[in-house]
PDB file of N, CA and C in Angstrom:
ATOM      1  N   UNK A   1      -1.513 -42.072 -18.573  1.00  0.00           N
ATOM      2  CA  UNK A   1      -1.271 -40.827 -17.892  1.00  0.00           C
ATOM      3  C   UNK A   1      -2.531 -40.322 -17.184  1.00  0.00           C
ATOM      4  N   UNK A   2      -3.707 -40.709 -17.656  1.00  0.00           N
ATOM      5  CA  UNK A   2      -4.945 -40.250 -17.029  1.00  0.00           C
ATOM      6  C   UNK A   2      -5.153 -40.876 -15.656  1.00  0.00           C
ATOM      7  N   UNK A   3      -4.481 -41.995 -15.379  1.00  0.00           N
ATOM      8  CA  UNK A   3      -4.605 -42.628 -14.064  1.00  0.00           C
ATOM      9  C   UNK A   3      -3.811 -41.883 -12.994  1.00  0.00           C
ATOM     10  N   UNK A   4      -2.835 -41.094 -13.385  1.00  0.00           N
ATOM     11  CA  UNK A   4      -1.982 -40.393 -12.419  1.00  0.00           C
ATOM     12  C   UNK A   4      -2.780 -39.478 -11.487  1.00  0.00           C
ATOM     13  N   UNK A   5      -3.688 -38.634 -11.987  1.00  0.00           N
ATOM     14  CA  UNK A   5      -4.458 -37.784 -11.063  1.00  0.00           C
ATOM     15  C   UNK A   5      -5.342 -38.597 -10.117  1.00  0.00           C
ATOM     16  N   UNK A   6      -5.917 -39.679 -10.623  1.00  0.00           N
ATOM     17  CA  UNK A   6      -6.764 -40.528  -9.781  1.00  0.00           C
ATOM     18  C   UNK A   6      -5.919 -41.188  -8.701  1.00  0.00           C
ATOM     19  N   UNK A   7      -4.761 -41.682  -9.087  1.00  0.00           N
ATOM     20  CA  UNK A   7      -3.858 -42.322  -8.132  1.00  0.00           C
ATOM     21  C   UNK A   7      -3.391 -41.318  -7.087  1.00  0.00           C
ATOM     22  N   UNK A   8      -3.053 -40.126  -7.532  1.00  0.00           N
ATOM     23  CA  UNK A   8      -2.606 -39.083  -6.617  1.00  0.00           C
ATOM     24  C   UNK A   8      -3.715 -38.727  -5.623  1.00  0.00           C
ATOM     25  N   UNK A   9      -4.927 -38.554  -6.117  1.00  0.00           N
ATOM     26  CA  UNK A   9      -6.061 -38.233  -5.246  1.00  0.00           C
ATOM     27  C   UNK A   9      -6.330 -39.367  -4.264  1.00  0.00           C
ATOM     28  N   UNK A  10      -6.263 -40.606  -4.747  1.00  0.00           N
ATOM     29  CA  UNK A  10      -6.497 -41.767  -3.880  1.00  0.00           C
ATOM     30  C   UNK A  10      -5.443 -41.824  -2.780  1.00  0.00           C
ATOM     31  N   UNK A  11      -4.179 -41.618  -3.151  1.00  0.00           N
ATOM     32  CA  UNK A  11      -3.097 -41.649  -2.170  1.00  0.00           C
ATOM     33  C   UNK A  11      -3.237 -40.516  -1.149  1.00  0.00           C
ATOM     34  N   UNK A  12      -3.627 -39.365  -1.640  1.00  0.00           N
ATOM     35  CA  UNK A  12      -3.819 -38.216  -0.759  1.00  0.00           C
ATOM     36  C   UNK A  12      -4.953 -38.497   0.239  1.00  0.00           C
ATOM     37  N   UNK A  13      -6.056 -39.032  -0.262  1.00  0.00           N
ATOM     38  CA  UNK A  13      -7.189 -39.379   0.594  1.00  0.00           C
ATOM     39  C   UNK A  13      -6.791 -40.432   1.618  1.00  0.00           C
ATOM     40  N   UNK A  14      -6.075 -41.457   1.164  1.00  0.00           N
ATOM     41  CA  UNK A  14      -5.629 -42.520   2.074  1.00  0.00           C
ATOM     42  C   UNK A  14      -4.756 -41.927   3.182  1.00  0.00           C
ATOM     43  N   UNK A  15      -3.885 -40.999   2.817  1.00  0.00           N
ATOM     44  CA  UNK A  15      -3.015 -40.358   3.795  1.00  0.00           C
ATOM     45  C   UNK A  15      -3.832 -39.614   4.854  1.00  0.00           C
ATOM     46  N   UNK A  16      -4.838 -38.864   4.406  1.00  0.00           N
ATOM     47  CA  UNK A  16      -5.698 -38.156   5.359  1.00  0.00           C
ATOM     48  C   UNK A  16      -6.418 -39.130   6.283  1.00  0.00           C
ATOM     49  N   UNK A  17      -6.983 -40.177   5.710  1.00  0.00           N
ATOM     50  CA  UNK A  17      -7.725 -41.165   6.501  1.00  0.00           C
ATOM     51  C   UNK A  17      -6.817 -41.823   7.527  1.00  0.00           C
ATOM     52  N   UNK A  18      -5.617 -42.200   7.127  1.00  0.00           N
ATOM     53  CA  UNK A  18      -4.684 -42.851   8.049  1.00  0.00           C
ATOM     54  C   UNK A  18      -4.260 -41.905   9.167  1.00  0.00           C
ATOM     55  N   UNK A  19      -4.059 -40.638   8.840  1.00  0.00           N
ATOM     56  CA  UNK A  19      -3.717 -39.654   9.878  1.00  0.00           C
ATOM     57  C   UNK A  19      -4.861 -39.516  10.874  1.00  0.00           C
ATOM     58  N   UNK A  20      -6.082 -39.439  10.365  1.00  0.00           N
ATOM     59  CA  UNK A  20      -7.248 -39.326  11.242  1.00  0.00           C
ATOM     60  C   UNK A  20      -7.359 -40.550  12.138  1.00  0.00           C
ATOM     61  N   UNK A  21      -7.146 -41.728  11.571  1.00  0.00           N
ATOM     62  CA  UNK A  21      -7.219 -42.961  12.364  1.00  0.00           C
ATOM     63  C   UNK A  21      -6.170 -42.963  13.473  1.00  0.00           C
ATOM     64  N   UNK A  22      -4.951 -42.531  13.167  1.00  0.00           N
ATOM     65  CA  UNK A  22      -3.903 -42.471  14.193  1.00  0.00           C
ATOM     66  C   UNK A  22      -4.283 -41.485  15.296  1.00  0.00           C
ATOM     67  N   UNK A  23      -4.810 -40.340  14.889  1.00  0.00           N
ATOM     68  CA  UNK A  23      -5.222 -39.345  15.881  1.00  0.00           C
ATOM     69  C   UNK A  23      -6.376 -39.847  16.740  1.00  0.00           C
ATOM     70  N   UNK A  24      -7.309 -40.582  16.133  1.00  0.00           N
ATOM     71  CA  UNK A  24      -8.418 -41.166  16.901  1.00  0.00           C
ATOM     72  C   UNK A  24      -7.888 -42.160  17.931  1.00  0.00           C
ATOM     73  N   UNK A  25      -6.875 -42.940  17.560  1.00  0.00           N
ATOM     74  CA  UNK A  25      -6.267 -43.878  18.507  1.00  0.00           C
ATOM     75  C   UNK A  25      -5.616 -43.120  19.660  1.00  0.00           C
ATOM     76  N   UNK A  26      -4.894 -42.045  19.327  1.00  0.00           N
ATOM     77  CA  UNK A  26      -4.256 -41.236  20.361  1.00  0.00           C
ATOM     78  C   UNK A  26      -5.302 -40.612  21.276  1.00  0.00           C
ATOM     79  N   UNK A  27      -6.402 -40.155  20.678  1.00  0.00           N
ATOM     80  CA  UNK A  27      -7.477 -39.536  21.455  1.00  0.00           C
ATOM     81  C   UNK A  27      -8.070 -40.552  22.431  1.00  0.00           C
ATOM     82  N   UNK A  28      -8.260 -41.780  21.979  1.00  0.00           N
ATOM     83  CA  UNK A  28      -8.810 -42.820  22.850  1.00  0.00           C
ATOM     84  C   UNK A  28      -7.860 -43.096  24.013  1.00  0.00           C
ATOM     85  N   UNK A  29      -6.571 -43.141  23.716  1.00  0.00           N
ATOM     86  CA  UNK A  29      -5.573 -43.366  24.758  1.00  0.00           C
ATOM     87  C   UNK A  29      -5.581 -42.220  25.761  1.00  0.00           C
ATOM     88  N   UNK A  30      -5.623 -40.994  25.255  1.00  0.00           N
ATOM     89  CA  UNK A  30      -5.653 -39.832  26.145  1.00  0.00           C
ATOM     90  C   UNK A  30      -6.922 -39.814  26.994  1.00  0.00           C
ATOM     91  N   UNK A  31      -8.044 -40.171  26.401  1.00  0.00           N
ATOM     92  CA  UNK A  31      -9.302 -40.215  27.156  1.00  0.00           C
ATOM     93  C   UNK A  31      -9.218 -41.232  28.289  1.00  0.00           C
ATOM     94  N   UNK A  32      -8.620 -42.371  28.010  1.00  0.00           N
ATOM     95  CA  UNK A  32      -8.448 -43.391  29.051  1.00  0.00           C
ATOM     96  C   UNK A  32      -7.531 -42.870  30.155  1.00  0.00           C
ATOM     97  N   UNK A  33      -6.472 -42.176  29.776  1.00  0.00           N
ATOM     98  CA  UNK A  33      -5.556 -41.602  30.766  1.00  0.00           C
ATOM     99  C   UNK A  33      -6.272 -40.574  31.644  1.00  0.00           C
ATOM    100  N   UNK A  34      -7.094 -39.747  31.027  1.00  0.00           N
ATOM    101  CA  UNK A  34      -7.835 -38.731  31.775  1.00  0.00           C
ATOM    102  C   UNK A  34      -8.809 -39.394  32.744  1.00  0.00           C
ATOM    103  N   UNK A  35      -9.494 -40.441  32.293  1.00  0.00           N
ATOM    104  CA  UNK A  35     -10.407 -41.172  33.189  1.00  0.00           C
ATOM    105  C   UNK A  35      -9.646 -41.731  34.391  1.00  0.00           C
ATOM    106  N   UNK A  36      -8.445 -42.232  34.152  1.00  0.00           N
ATOM    107  CA  UNK A  36      -7.635 -42.775  35.245  1.00  0.00           C
ATOM    108  C   UNK A  36      -7.274 -41.694  36.259  1.00  0.00           C
ATOM    109  N   UNK A  37      -6.948 -40.503  35.773  1.00  0.00           N
ATOM    110  CA  UNK A  37      -6.610 -39.400  36.679  1.00  0.00           C
ATOM    111  C   UNK A  37      -7.821 -39.025  37.526  1.00  0.00           C
ATOM    112  N   UNK A  38      -8.998 -38.949  36.900  1.00  0.00           N
ATOM    113  CA  UNK A  38     -10.216 -38.650  37.661  1.00  0.00           C
ATOM    114  C   UNK A  38     -10.489 -39.743  38.700  1.00  0.00           C
ATOM    115  N   UNK A  39     -10.282 -40.993  38.324  1.00  0.00           N
ATOM    116  CA  UNK A  39     -10.492 -42.099  39.268  1.00  0.00           C
ATOM    117  C   UNK A  39      -9.504 -42.007  40.427  1.00  0.00           C
ATOM    118  N   UNK A  40      -8.267 -41.673  40.116  1.00  0.00           N
ATOM    119  CA  UNK A  40      -7.249 -41.517  41.160  1.00  0.00           C
ATOM    120  C   UNK A  40      -7.626 -40.367  42.104  1.00  0.00           C
ATOM    121  N   UNK A  41      -8.076 -39.263  41.525  1.00  0.00           N
ATOM    122  CA  UNK A  41      -8.482 -38.115  42.341  1.00  0.00           C
ATOM    123  C   UNK A  41      -9.674 -38.479  43.224  1.00  0.00           C
ATOM    124  N   UNK A  42     -10.618 -39.230  42.666  1.00  0.00           N
ATOM    125  CA  UNK A  42     -11.786 -39.657  43.443  1.00  0.00           C
ATOM    126  C   UNK A  42     -11.343 -40.527  44.612  1.00  0.00           C
ATOM    127  N   UNK A  43     -10.358 -41.383  44.360  1.00  0.00           N
ATOM    128  CA  UNK A  43      -9.839 -42.251  45.407  1.00  0.00           C
ATOM    129  C   UNK A  43      -9.196 -41.490  46.551  1.00  0.00           C
ATOM    130  N   UNK A  44      -8.755 -40.270  46.288  1.00  0.00           N
ATOM    131  CA  UNK A  44      -8.163 -39.460  47.354  1.00  0.00           C
ATOM    132  C   UNK A  44      -9.159 -38.467  47.944  1.00  0.00           C
ATOM    133  N   UNK A  45     -10.438 -38.581  47.524  1.00  0.00           N
ATOM    134  CA  UNK A  45     -11.479 -37.776  48.148  1.00  0.00           C
ATOM    135  C   UNK A  45     -11.996 -36.596  47.347  1.00  0.00           C
ATOM    136  N   UNK A  46     -11.486 -36.386  46.148  1.00  0.00           N
ATOM    137  CA  UNK A  46     -11.976 -35.281  45.324  1.00  0.00           C
ATOM    138  C   UNK A  46     -13.186 -35.724  44.509  1.00  0.00           C
ATOM    139  N   UNK A  47     -14.038 -34.772  44.175  1.00  0.00           N
ATOM    140  CA  UNK A  47     -15.249 -35.045  43.411  1.00  0.00           C
ATOM    141  C   UNK A  47     -14.961 -34.830  41.923  1.00  0.00           C
ATOM    142  N   UNK A  48     -14.919 -35.906  41.126  1.00  0.00           N
ATOM    143  CA  UNK A  48     -14.601 -35.779  39.699  1.00  0.00           C
ATOM    144  C   UNK A  48     -15.564 -34.873  38.937  1.00  0.00           C
ATOM    145  N   UNK A  49     -16.834 -34.882  39.332  1.00  0.00           N
ATOM    146  CA  UNK A  49     -17.812 -34.032  38.649  1.00  0.00           C
ATOM    147  C   UNK A  49     -17.438 -32.555  38.813  1.00  0.00           C
ATOM    148  N   UNK A  50     -17.069 -32.178  40.014  1.00  0.00           N
ATOM    149  CA  UNK A  50     -16.672 -30.793  40.278  1.00  0.00           C
ATOM    150  C   UNK A  50     -15.341 -30.493  39.589  1.00  0.00           C
ATOM    151  N   UNK A  51     -14.443 -31.455  39.588  1.00  0.00           N
ATOM    152  CA  UNK A  51     -13.154 -31.257  38.908  1.00  0.00           C
ATOM    153  C   UNK A  51     -13.357 -31.005  37.417  1.00  0.00           C
ATOM    154  N   UNK A  52     -14.280 -31.741  36.801  1.00  0.00           N
ATOM    155  CA  UNK A  52     -14.575 -31.518  35.376  1.00  0.00           C
ATOM    156  C   UNK A  52     -15.108 -30.103  35.161  1.00  0.00           C
ATOM    157  N   UNK A  53     -15.929 -29.653  36.088  1.00  0.00           N
ATOM    158  CA  UNK A  53     -16.466 -28.300  36.010  1.00  0.00           C
ATOM    159  C   UNK A  53     -15.337 -27.271  36.105  1.00  0.00           C
ATOM    160  N   UNK A  54     -14.408 -27.490  37.014  1.00  0.00           N
ATOM    161  CA  UNK A  54     -13.275 -26.581  37.175  1.00  0.00           C
ATOM    162  C   UNK A  54     -12.434 -26.549  35.900  1.00  0.00           C
ATOM    163  N   UNK A  55     -12.176 -27.709  35.325  1.00  0.00           N
ATOM    164  CA  UNK A  55     -11.395 -27.777  34.080  1.00  0.00           C
ATOM    165  C   UNK A  55     -12.106 -26.998  32.982  1.00  0.00           C
ATOM    166  N   UNK A  56     -13.422 -27.179  32.879  1.00  0.00           N
ATOM    167  CA  UNK A  56     -14.194 -26.468  31.854  1.00  0.00           C
ATOM    168  C   UNK A  56     -14.123 -24.957  32.077  1.00  0.00           C
ATOM    169  N   UNK A  57     -14.261 -24.533  33.326  1.00  0.00           N
ATOM    170  CA  UNK A  57     -14.208 -23.105  33.635  1.00  0.00           C
ATOM    171  C   UNK A  57     -12.826 -22.514  33.365  1.00  0.00           C
ATOM    172  N   UNK A  58     -11.783 -23.274  33.643  1.00  0.00           N
ATOM    173  CA  UNK A  58     -10.422 -22.771  33.411  1.00  0.00           C
ATOM    174  C   UNK A  58     -10.122 -22.582  31.932  1.00  0.00           C
ATOM    175  N   UNK A  59     -10.830 -23.312  31.082  1.00  0.00           N
ATOM    176  CA  UNK A  59     -10.636 -23.168  29.637  1.00  0.00           C
ATOM    177  C   UNK A  59     -11.264 -21.881  29.109  1.00  0.00           C
ATOM    178  N   UNK A  60     -12.210 -21.344  29.860  1.00  0.00           N
ATOM    179  CA  UNK A  60     -12.957 -20.176  29.407  1.00  0.00           C
ATOM    180  C   UNK A  60     -12.156 -18.893  29.628  1.00  0.00           C
ATOM    181  N   UNK A  61     -12.445 -17.905  28.795  1.00  0.00           N
ATOM    182  CA  UNK A  61     -11.889 -16.570  29.000  1.00  0.00           C
ATOM    183  C   UNK A  61     -12.521 -15.991  30.269  1.00  0.00           C
ATOM    184  N   UNK A  62     -11.762 -15.211  31.039  1.00  0.00           N
ATOM    185  CA  UNK A  62     -12.314 -14.656  32.285  1.00  0.00           C
ATOM    186  C   UNK A  62     -13.626 -13.885  32.093  1.00  0.00           C
ATOM    187  N   UNK A  63     -13.718 -13.089  31.048  1.00  0.00           N
ATOM    188  CA  UNK A  63     -14.955 -12.329  30.814  1.00  0.00           C
ATOM    189  C   UNK A  63     -16.129 -13.251  30.529  1.00  0.00           C
ATOM    190  N   UNK A  64     -15.894 -14.294  29.740  1.00  0.00           N
ATOM    191  CA  UNK A  64     -16.959 -15.252  29.432  1.00  0.00           C
ATOM    192  C   UNK A  64     -17.415 -15.978  30.692  1.00  0.00           C
ATOM    193  N   UNK A  65     -16.440 -16.341  31.530  1.00  0.00           N
ATOM    194  CA  UNK A  65     -16.765 -17.048  32.771  1.00  0.00           C
ATOM    195  C   UNK A  65     -17.580 -16.144  33.700  1.00  0.00           C
ATOM    196  N   UNK A  66     -17.172 -14.882  33.829  1.00  0.00           N
ATOM    197  CA  UNK A  66     -17.907 -13.941  34.682  1.00  0.00           C
ATOM    198  C   UNK A  66     -19.325 -13.724  34.170  1.00  0.00           C
ATOM    199  N   UNK A  67     -19.458 -13.612  32.853  1.00  0.00           N
ATOM    200  CA  UNK A  67     -20.786 -13.428  32.272  1.00  0.00           C
ATOM    201  C   UNK A  67     -21.673 -14.636  32.562  1.00  0.00           C
ATOM    202  N   UNK A  68     -21.115 -15.835  32.411  1.00  0.00           N
ATOM    203  CA  UNK A  68     -21.881 -17.051  32.677  1.00  0.00           C
ATOM    204  C   UNK A  68     -22.288 -17.116  34.149  1.00  0.00           C
ATOM    205  N   UNK A  69     -21.359 -16.782  35.043  1.00  0.00           N
ATOM    206  CA  UNK A  69     -21.669 -16.801  36.469  1.00  0.00           C
ATOM    207  C   UNK A  69     -22.752 -15.775  36.805  1.00  0.00           C
ATOM    208  N   UNK A  70     -22.695 -14.608  36.176  1.00  0.00           N
ATOM    209  CA  UNK A  70     -23.702 -13.570  36.409  1.00  0.00           C
ATOM    210  C   UNK A  70     -25.086 -14.049  35.958  1.00  0.00           C
ATOM    211  N   UNK A  71     -25.145 -14.645  34.789  1.00  0.00           N
ATOM    212  CA  UNK A  71     -26.425 -15.150  34.281  1.00  0.00           C
ATOM    213  C   UNK A  71     -26.950 -16.257  35.194  1.00  0.00           C
ATOM    214  N   UNK A  72     -26.074 -17.155  35.632  1.00  0.00           N
ATOM    215  CA  UNK A  72     -26.485 -18.220  36.549  1.00  0.00           C
ATOM    216  C   UNK A  72     -27.038 -17.632  37.844  1.00  0.00           C
ATOM    217  N   UNK A  73     -26.335 -16.648  38.412  1.00  0.00           N
ATOM    218  CA  UNK A  73     -26.816 -16.002  39.634  1.00  0.00           C
ATOM    219  C   UNK A  73     -28.178 -15.349  39.416  1.00  0.00           C
ATOM    220  N   UNK A  74     -28.355 -14.727  38.265  1.00  0.00           N
ATOM    221  CA  UNK A  74     -29.634 -14.091  37.945  1.00  0.00           C
ATOM    222  C   UNK A  74     -30.750 -15.127  37.920  1.00  0.00           C
ATOM    223  N   UNK A  75     -30.497 -16.253  37.269  1.00  0.00           N
ATOM    224  CA  UNK A  75     -31.504 -17.318  37.195  1.00  0.00           C
ATOM    225  C   UNK A  75     -31.807 -17.880  38.582  1.00  0.00           C
ATOM    226  N   UNK A  76     -30.756 -18.139  39.365  1.00  0.00           N
ATOM    227  CA  UNK A  76     -30.959 -18.693  40.706  1.00  0.00           C
ATOM    228  C   UNK A  76     -31.734 -17.722  41.582  1.00  0.00           C
ATOM    229  N   UNK A  77     -31.407 -16.447  41.485  1.00  0.00           N
ATOM    230  CA  UNK A  77     -32.121 -15.437  42.268  1.00  0.00           C
ATOM    231  C   UNK A  77     -33.585 -15.376  41.852  1.00  0.00           C
ATOM    232  N   UNK A  78     -33.843 -15.444  40.571  1.00  0.00           N
ATOM    233  CA  UNK A  78     -35.219 -15.395  40.076  1.00  0.00           C
ATOM    234  C   UNK A  78     -36.036 -16.582  40.576  1.00  0.00           C
ATOM    235  N   UNK A  79     -35.372 -17.693  40.827  1.00  0.00           N
ATOM    236  CA  UNK A  79     -36.055 -18.888  41.322  1.00  0.00           C
ATOM    237  C   UNK A  79     -36.080 -18.961  42.846  1.00  0.00           C
ATOM    238  N   UNK A  80     -35.552 -17.912  43.499  1.00  0.00           N
ATOM    239  CA  UNK A  80     -35.550 -17.879  44.956  1.00  0.00           C
ATOM    240  C   UNK A  80     -34.501 -18.763  45.587  1.00  0.00           C
ATOM    241  N   UNK A  81     -33.465 -19.063  44.852  1.00  0.00           N
ATOM    242  CA  UNK A  81     -32.439 -19.974  45.348  1.00  0.00           C
ATOM    243  C   UNK A  81     -31.220 -19.245  45.905  1.00  0.00           C
ATOM    244  N   UNK A  82     -31.241 -17.907  45.917  1.00  0.00           N
ATOM    245  CA  UNK A  82     -30.162 -17.104  46.488  1.00  0.00           C
ATOM    246  C   UNK A  82     -30.761 -16.126  47.486  1.00  0.00           C
ATOM    247  N   UNK A  83     -29.973 -15.709  48.472  1.00  0.00           N
ATOM    248  CA  UNK A  83     -30.428 -14.697  49.426  1.00  0.00           C
ATOM    249  C   UNK A  83     -30.197 -13.317  48.829  1.00  0.00           C
ATOM    250  N   UNK A  84     -31.117 -12.893  47.996  1.00  0.00           N
ATOM    251  CA  UNK A  84     -31.041 -11.572  47.374  1.00  0.00           C
ATOM    252  C   UNK A  84     -32.423 -10.945  47.409  1.00  0.00           C
ATOM    253  N   UNK A  85     -32.492  -9.635  47.249  1.00  0.00           N
ATOM    254  CA  UNK A  85     -33.816  -8.999  47.198  1.00  0.00           C
ATOM    255  C   UNK A  85     -34.691  -9.584  46.089  1.00  0.00           C
ATOM    256  N   UNK A  86     -34.089  -9.956  44.986  1.00  0.00           N
ATOM    257  CA  UNK A  86     -34.850 -10.515  43.872  1.00  0.00           C
ATOM    258  C   UNK A  86     -35.500 -11.840  44.282  1.00  0.00           C
ATOM    259  N   UNK A  87     -34.803 -12.618  45.114  1.00  0.00           N
ATOM    260  CA  UNK A  87     -35.315 -13.920  45.533  1.00  0.00           C
ATOM    261  C   UNK A  87     -36.483 -13.780  46.502  1.00  0.00           C
ATOM    262  N   UNK A  88     -36.552 -12.664  47.217  1.00  0.00           N
ATOM    263  CA  UNK A  88     -37.610 -12.467  48.208  1.00  0.00           C
ATOM    264  C   UNK A  88     -38.955 -12.145  47.570  1.00  0.00           C
ATOM    265  N   UNK A  89     -38.953 -11.742  46.323  1.00  0.00           N
ATOM    266  CA  UNK A  89     -40.202 -11.336  45.664  1.00  0.00           C
ATOM    267  C   UNK A  89     -41.092 -12.501  45.347  1.00  0.00           C
TER     268      UNK A  89
END
């Protein structure tokens, strides 16, 4: 009877591991599919690097995206890379 808890734990662990392995396989398949879509888009003239940026931005909350854009503009202006009064200094 003392083997029952060990067997149960082993089976439970095996189940988790097998689920993770299946999900990892699905993730690899999805990643390959996504790469194919980017390649197809590139073939029609779109820039995959910019598309990835757009996808990342669309995942963000609007307030977070605006805050990030504001900080980026501030940094660019400080480096003189924008036409702003701050850049002229």
